[in-house]
Protein backbone atom coordinates (compact mmCIF):
# COMPACT_ATOMS: atom_id res chain seq x y z
CA UNK A 1 13.84 11.00 -5.63
CA UNK A 2 11.17 8.66 -4.19
CA UNK A 3 7.87 8.37 -5.99
CA UNK A 4 4.78 9.79 -4.27
CA UNK A 5 2.66 7.41 -2.19
CA UNK A 6 -0.44 8.30 -4.23
CA UNK A 7 -0.03 9.33 -7.86
CA UNK A 8 -3.18 11.13 -9.01
CA UNK A 9 -2.17 11.09 -12.68
CA UNK A 10 -1.77 7.31 -12.77
CA UNK A 11 -4.36 6.62 -10.04
CA UNK A 12 -1.92 4.32 -8.24
CA UNK A 13 -0.90 4.09 -4.60
CA UNK A 14 2.25 2.62 -3.06
CA UNK A 15 2.53 0.73 0.23
CA UNK A 16 5.94 -0.28 1.58
CA UNK A 17 6.57 -3.97 2.28
CA UNK A 18 9.39 -6.36 3.15
CA UNK A 19 9.22 -8.39 -0.08
CA UNK A 20 7.16 -9.38 -3.13
CA UNK A 21 5.25 -12.04 -1.20
CA UNK A 22 3.99 -9.40 1.24
CA UNK A 23 2.59 -7.45 -1.73
CA UNK A 24 0.71 -10.53 -2.91
CA UNK A 25 -0.66 -11.13 0.60
CA UNK A 26 -1.76 -7.51 0.91
CA UNK A 27 -3.52 -7.65 -2.46
CA UNK A 28 -5.34 -10.83 -1.53
CA UNK A 29 -6.30 -9.73 1.99
CA UNK A 30 -7.71 -6.33 0.99
CA UNK A 31 -8.86 -7.33 -2.55
CA UNK A 32 -6.67 -4.69 -4.19
CA UNK A 33 -5.31 -4.86 -7.75
CA UNK A 34 -1.50 -5.21 -7.54
CA UNK A 35 0.02 -3.71 -10.69
CA UNK A 36 3.74 -3.58 -9.87
CA UNK A 37 6.41 -4.18 -7.24
CA UNK A 38 9.23 -1.61 -7.15
CA UNK A 39 12.57 -2.05 -5.34
CA UNK A 40 13.20 0.79 -2.86
CA UNK A 41 16.84 0.19 -1.99
CA UNK A 42 15.94 0.24 1.71
CA UNK A 43 17.28 -2.46 4.01
CA UNK A 44 14.04 -3.34 5.84
CA UNK A 45 11.03 -2.41 3.67
CA UNK A 46 12.74 -3.39 0.44
CA UNK A 47 9.82 -2.91 -1.96
CA UNK A 48 6.88 -0.67 -2.72
CA UNK A 49 3.72 -2.52 -3.67
CA UNK A 50 1.94 -0.50 -6.36
CA UNK A 51 -1.85 -0.85 -6.36
CA UNK A 52 -4.50 0.45 -8.75
CA UNK A 53 -6.63 3.23 -7.25
CA UNK A 54 -6.47 5.01 -3.92
CA UNK A 55 -6.09 1.97 -1.68
CA UNK A 56 -6.24 2.65 2.04
CA UNK A 57 -6.10 0.30 4.98
CA UNK A 58 -9.36 -0.03 6.93
CA UNK A 59 -9.57 1.90 10.17
CA UNK A 60 -8.49 -0.03 13.23
CA UNK A 61 -11.06 -1.15 15.78
CA UNK A 62 -8.91 0.70 18.30
CA UNK A 63 -8.85 3.95 16.33
CA UNK A 64 -9.94 6.57 18.85
CA UNK A 65 -10.75 9.18 16.16
CA UNK A 66 -13.90 7.31 15.10
CA UNK A 67 -17.18 9.00 15.89
CA UNK A 68 -19.68 7.17 18.08
CA UNK A 69 -23.36 7.08 17.13
């Protein structure tokens, strides 16, 4: 059974990635604390990057759900 994306008990969130290096790049780019890399067994996104806290990607500039002032 796959682990949940966000684990409230542990306060950790998982983001899928192609490999360990992608996890490192994600951590550096978004200034997130990488705590683990877990193998998924998938053929394309082979790992889950596990980060401390509820890490979310910033909204896209093109996100049409944003409110205008």
